[in-house]
Amino acid sequence: FVLTYGSLVTQLLRDIEDVDAVNAQLEKMGYNIGLRLIDEFLAKSGINACQDFRDTCEVIAKVGLRMFLGVSGEVVMWNK
């Protein structure tokens, strides 16, 4: 069962009919997806605690993106 983001939003609008309620539902869904991703990332990666924000960015770019999307990223201008 494949559902694109646009069709998900459209269906929520049809079901709920209140834009603010739909936005709240989408925010809740995104938050829960983020929690699950972080939980899985921490469980599978075996990384140590990050020391600072830049370290966190590097780990996400190099380990997290590869783990979930099969690509790696490069952190540039992380503090701008």
N, C-alpha and C. Protein backbone atom coordinates (compact mmCIF):
# COMPACT_ATOMS: atom_id res chain seq x y z
N PHE A 1 0.85 -1.19 0.00
CA PHE A 1 0.00 0.00 0.00
C PHE A 1 0.88 1.23 0.00
N VAL A 2 0.88 1.94 -1.09
CA VAL A 2 1.72 3.12 -1.25
C VAL A 2 0.83 4.36 -1.18
N LEU A 3 1.27 5.32 -0.39
CA LEU A 3 0.51 6.55 -0.23
C LEU A 3 1.47 7.72 -0.32
N THR A 4 1.23 8.61 -1.25
CA THR A 4 2.10 9.77 -1.36
C THR A 4 1.65 10.83 -0.36
N TYR A 5 2.55 11.76 -0.07
CA TYR A 5 2.23 12.80 0.90
C TYR A 5 1.03 13.63 0.45
N GLY A 6 0.98 13.95 -0.82
CA GLY A 6 -0.12 14.75 -1.34
C GLY A 6 -1.46 14.06 -1.18
N SER A 7 -1.50 12.76 -1.48
CA SER A 7 -2.76 12.04 -1.32
C SER A 7 -3.13 11.87 0.15
N LEU A 8 -2.14 11.77 1.01
CA LEU A 8 -2.40 11.71 2.45
C LEU A 8 -3.04 13.01 2.93
N VAL A 9 -2.47 14.14 2.53
CA VAL A 9 -3.01 15.44 2.92
C VAL A 9 -4.42 15.61 2.36
N THR A 10 -4.62 15.24 1.11
CA THR A 10 -5.94 15.35 0.49
C THR A 10 -6.97 14.53 1.24
N GLN A 11 -6.61 13.31 1.60
CA GLN A 11 -7.55 12.45 2.32
C GLN A 11 -7.85 13.01 3.70
N LEU A 12 -6.84 13.52 4.39
CA LEU A 12 -7.07 14.13 5.70
C LEU A 12 -8.01 15.33 5.59
N LEU A 13 -7.82 16.15 4.56
CA LEU A 13 -8.70 17.31 4.36
C LEU A 13 -10.13 16.87 4.09
N ARG A 14 -10.31 15.80 3.33
CA ARG A 14 -11.66 15.29 3.07
C ARG A 14 -12.29 14.75 4.35
N ASP A 15 -11.49 14.06 5.16
CA ASP A 15 -12.03 13.44 6.38
C ASP A 15 -12.30 14.46 7.48
N ILE A 16 -11.38 15.40 7.66
CA ILE A 16 -11.46 16.31 8.81
C ILE A 16 -12.12 17.64 8.44
N GLU A 17 -11.83 18.15 7.26
CA GLU A 17 -12.39 19.40 6.72
C GLU A 17 -12.01 20.66 7.50
N ASP A 18 -11.05 20.57 8.38
CA ASP A 18 -10.58 21.75 9.11
C ASP A 18 -9.06 21.81 8.93
N VAL A 19 -8.60 22.87 8.26
CA VAL A 19 -7.18 22.99 7.91
C VAL A 19 -6.30 22.97 9.16
N ASP A 20 -6.69 23.67 10.21
CA ASP A 20 -5.88 23.69 11.43
C ASP A 20 -5.79 22.31 12.06
N ALA A 21 -6.88 21.56 12.04
CA ALA A 21 -6.88 20.20 12.60
C ALA A 21 -6.01 19.28 11.75
N VAL A 22 -6.05 19.46 10.43
CA VAL A 22 -5.20 18.66 9.53
C VAL A 22 -3.74 18.96 9.80
N ASN A 23 -3.39 20.24 9.92
CA ASN A 23 -2.00 20.60 10.23
C ASN A 23 -1.55 20.01 11.55
N ALA A 24 -2.42 20.03 12.55
CA ALA A 24 -2.08 19.43 13.84
C ALA A 24 -1.85 17.93 13.70
N GLN A 25 -2.69 17.27 12.92
CA GLN A 25 -2.55 15.82 12.70
C GLN A 25 -1.25 15.52 11.96
N LEU A 26 -0.92 16.31 10.94
CA LEU A 26 0.32 16.10 10.19
C LEU A 26 1.54 16.33 11.08
N GLU A 27 1.48 17.33 11.94
CA GLU A 27 2.59 17.58 12.87
C GLU A 27 2.76 16.41 13.83
N LYS A 28 1.68 15.89 14.34
CA LYS A 28 1.73 14.75 15.25
C LYS A 28 2.31 13.52 14.55
N MET A 29 1.88 13.29 13.31
CA MET A 29 2.40 12.15 12.55
C MET A 29 3.90 12.31 12.30
N GLY A 30 4.33 13.51 11.91
CA GLY A 30 5.74 13.75 11.67
C GLY A 30 6.58 13.57 12.91
N TYR A 31 6.07 14.04 14.04
CA TYR A 31 6.77 13.88 15.31
C TYR A 31 6.95 12.40 15.64
N ASN A 32 5.89 11.63 15.49
CA ASN A 32 5.96 10.20 15.81
C ASN A 32 6.90 9.45 14.86
N ILE A 33 6.89 9.81 13.59
CA ILE A 33 7.82 9.20 12.64
C ILE A 33 9.25 9.53 13.02
N GLY A 34 9.50 10.78 13.41
CA GLY A 34 10.83 11.19 13.83
C GLY A 34 11.31 10.42 15.05
N LEU A 35 10.42 10.22 16.02
CA LEU A 35 10.79 9.44 17.20
C LEU A 35 11.18 8.01 16.83
N ARG A 36 10.42 7.42 15.94
CA ARG A 36 10.72 6.04 15.53
C ARG A 36 12.05 5.96 14.78
N LEU A 37 12.30 6.95 13.92
CA LEU A 37 13.57 6.97 13.20
C LEU A 37 14.76 7.09 14.15
N ILE A 38 14.65 8.00 15.12
CA ILE A 38 15.73 8.18 16.08
C ILE A 38 15.93 6.94 16.92
N ASP A 39 14.83 6.32 17.35
CA ASP A 39 14.93 5.10 18.16
C ASP A 39 15.64 4.00 17.37
N GLU A 40 15.25 3.80 16.11
CA GLU A 40 15.88 2.78 15.29
C GLU A 40 17.35 3.12 15.01
N PHE A 41 17.62 4.38 14.73
CA PHE A 41 18.98 4.82 14.47
C PHE A 41 19.89 4.53 15.66
N LEU A 42 19.45 4.89 16.85
CA LEU A 42 20.26 4.67 18.05
C LEU A 42 20.42 3.18 18.35
N ALA A 43 19.38 2.39 18.08
CA ALA A 43 19.45 0.96 18.35
C ALA A 43 20.39 0.24 17.39
N LYS A 44 20.41 0.64 16.13
CA LYS A 44 21.18 -0.07 15.12
C LYS A 44 22.58 0.47 14.88
N SER A 45 22.80 1.75 15.14
CA SER A 45 24.07 2.35 14.76
C SER A 45 25.20 2.05 15.73
N GLY A 46 24.89 1.94 17.01
CA GLY A 46 25.92 1.67 18.00
C GLY A 46 26.89 2.83 18.20
N ILE A 47 26.48 4.04 17.89
CA ILE A 47 27.37 5.19 18.03
C ILE A 47 27.42 5.65 19.48
N ASN A 48 28.48 6.33 19.82
CA ASN A 48 28.62 6.92 21.14
C ASN A 48 27.91 8.27 21.16
N ALA A 49 27.75 8.84 22.33
CA ALA A 49 27.09 10.14 22.45
C ALA A 49 27.88 11.20 21.70
N CYS A 50 27.17 12.07 21.03
CA CYS A 50 27.80 13.18 20.32
C CYS A 50 28.25 14.24 21.32
N GLN A 51 29.35 14.90 21.02
CA GLN A 51 29.91 15.88 21.94
C GLN A 51 29.33 17.28 21.74
N ASP A 52 28.93 17.61 20.51
CA ASP A 52 28.38 18.93 20.24
C ASP A 52 27.47 18.85 19.02
N PHE A 53 26.89 19.98 18.65
CA PHE A 53 25.94 20.01 17.54
C PHE A 53 26.60 19.63 16.22
N ARG A 54 27.82 20.08 16.00
CA ARG A 54 28.52 19.73 14.76
C ARG A 54 28.74 18.22 14.66
N ASP A 55 29.13 17.60 15.75
CA ASP A 55 29.31 16.15 15.80
C ASP A 55 28.00 15.45 15.47
N THR A 56 26.90 15.95 16.00
CA THR A 56 25.58 15.39 15.72
C THR A 56 25.26 15.48 14.23
N CYS A 57 25.53 16.64 13.64
CA CYS A 57 25.31 16.82 12.20
C CYS A 57 26.12 15.84 11.38
N GLU A 58 27.37 15.67 11.74
CA GLU A 58 28.26 14.75 11.02
C GLU A 58 27.74 13.31 11.09
N VAL A 59 27.31 12.89 12.26
CA VAL A 59 26.83 11.51 12.43
C VAL A 59 25.56 11.30 11.61
N ILE A 60 24.66 12.25 11.64
CA ILE A 60 23.43 12.13 10.86
C ILE A 60 23.75 12.07 9.37
N ALA A 61 24.66 12.95 8.91
CA ALA A 61 25.01 13.00 7.49
C ALA A 61 25.71 11.73 7.03
N LYS A 62 26.60 11.22 7.84
CA LYS A 62 27.42 10.08 7.41
C LYS A 62 26.77 8.72 7.72
N VAL A 63 26.12 8.60 8.86
CA VAL A 63 25.57 7.31 9.29
C VAL A 63 24.06 7.24 9.04
N GLY A 64 23.34 8.24 9.52
CA GLY A 64 21.88 8.22 9.45
C GLY A 64 21.34 8.20 8.03
N LEU A 65 21.84 9.09 7.19
CA LEU A 65 21.36 9.13 5.81
C LEU A 65 21.68 7.85 5.06
N ARG A 66 22.85 7.28 5.31
CA ARG A 66 23.21 6.02 4.66
C ARG A 66 22.32 4.89 5.16
N MET A 67 22.04 4.88 6.45
CA MET A 67 21.22 3.82 7.03
C MET A 67 19.80 3.81 6.46
N PHE A 68 19.21 4.98 6.32
CA PHE A 68 17.80 5.04 5.93
C PHE A 68 17.58 5.31 4.44
N LEU A 69 18.49 6.03 3.81
CA LEU A 69 18.28 6.41 2.41
C LEU A 69 19.32 5.85 1.44
N GLY A 70 20.39 5.27 1.98
CA GLY A 70 21.43 4.71 1.12
C GLY A 70 22.34 5.76 0.50
N VAL A 71 22.36 6.94 1.06
CA VAL A 71 23.23 8.01 0.57
C VAL A 71 23.98 8.60 1.76
N SER A 72 25.04 9.33 1.48
CA SER A 72 25.71 10.03 2.58
C SER A 72 25.72 11.52 2.25
N GLY A 73 25.84 12.31 3.27
CA GLY A 73 25.83 13.75 3.09
C GLY A 73 27.12 14.37 3.56
N GLU A 74 27.26 15.63 3.24
CA GLU A 74 28.42 16.39 3.69
C GLU A 74 27.90 17.61 4.44
N VAL A 75 28.41 17.84 5.62
CA VAL A 75 27.98 18.97 6.42
C VAL A 75 28.83 20.19 6.08
N VAL A 76 28.18 21.25 5.63
CA VAL A 76 28.84 22.51 5.34
C VAL A 76 28.03 23.63 5.97
N MET A 77 28.72 24.63 6.42
CA MET A 77 28.08 25.81 7.02
C MET A 77 27.08 25.43 8.12
N TRP A 78 27.45 24.47 8.95
CA TRP A 78 26.55 23.95 9.97
C TRP A 78 26.17 24.99 11.01
N ASN A 79 26.95 26.02 11.17
CA ASN A 79 26.66 27.01 12.21
C ASN A 79 26.16 28.34 11.64
N LYS A 80 25.72 28.37 10.42
CA LYS A 80 25.25 29.62 9.80
C LYS A 80 23.77 29.63 9.65
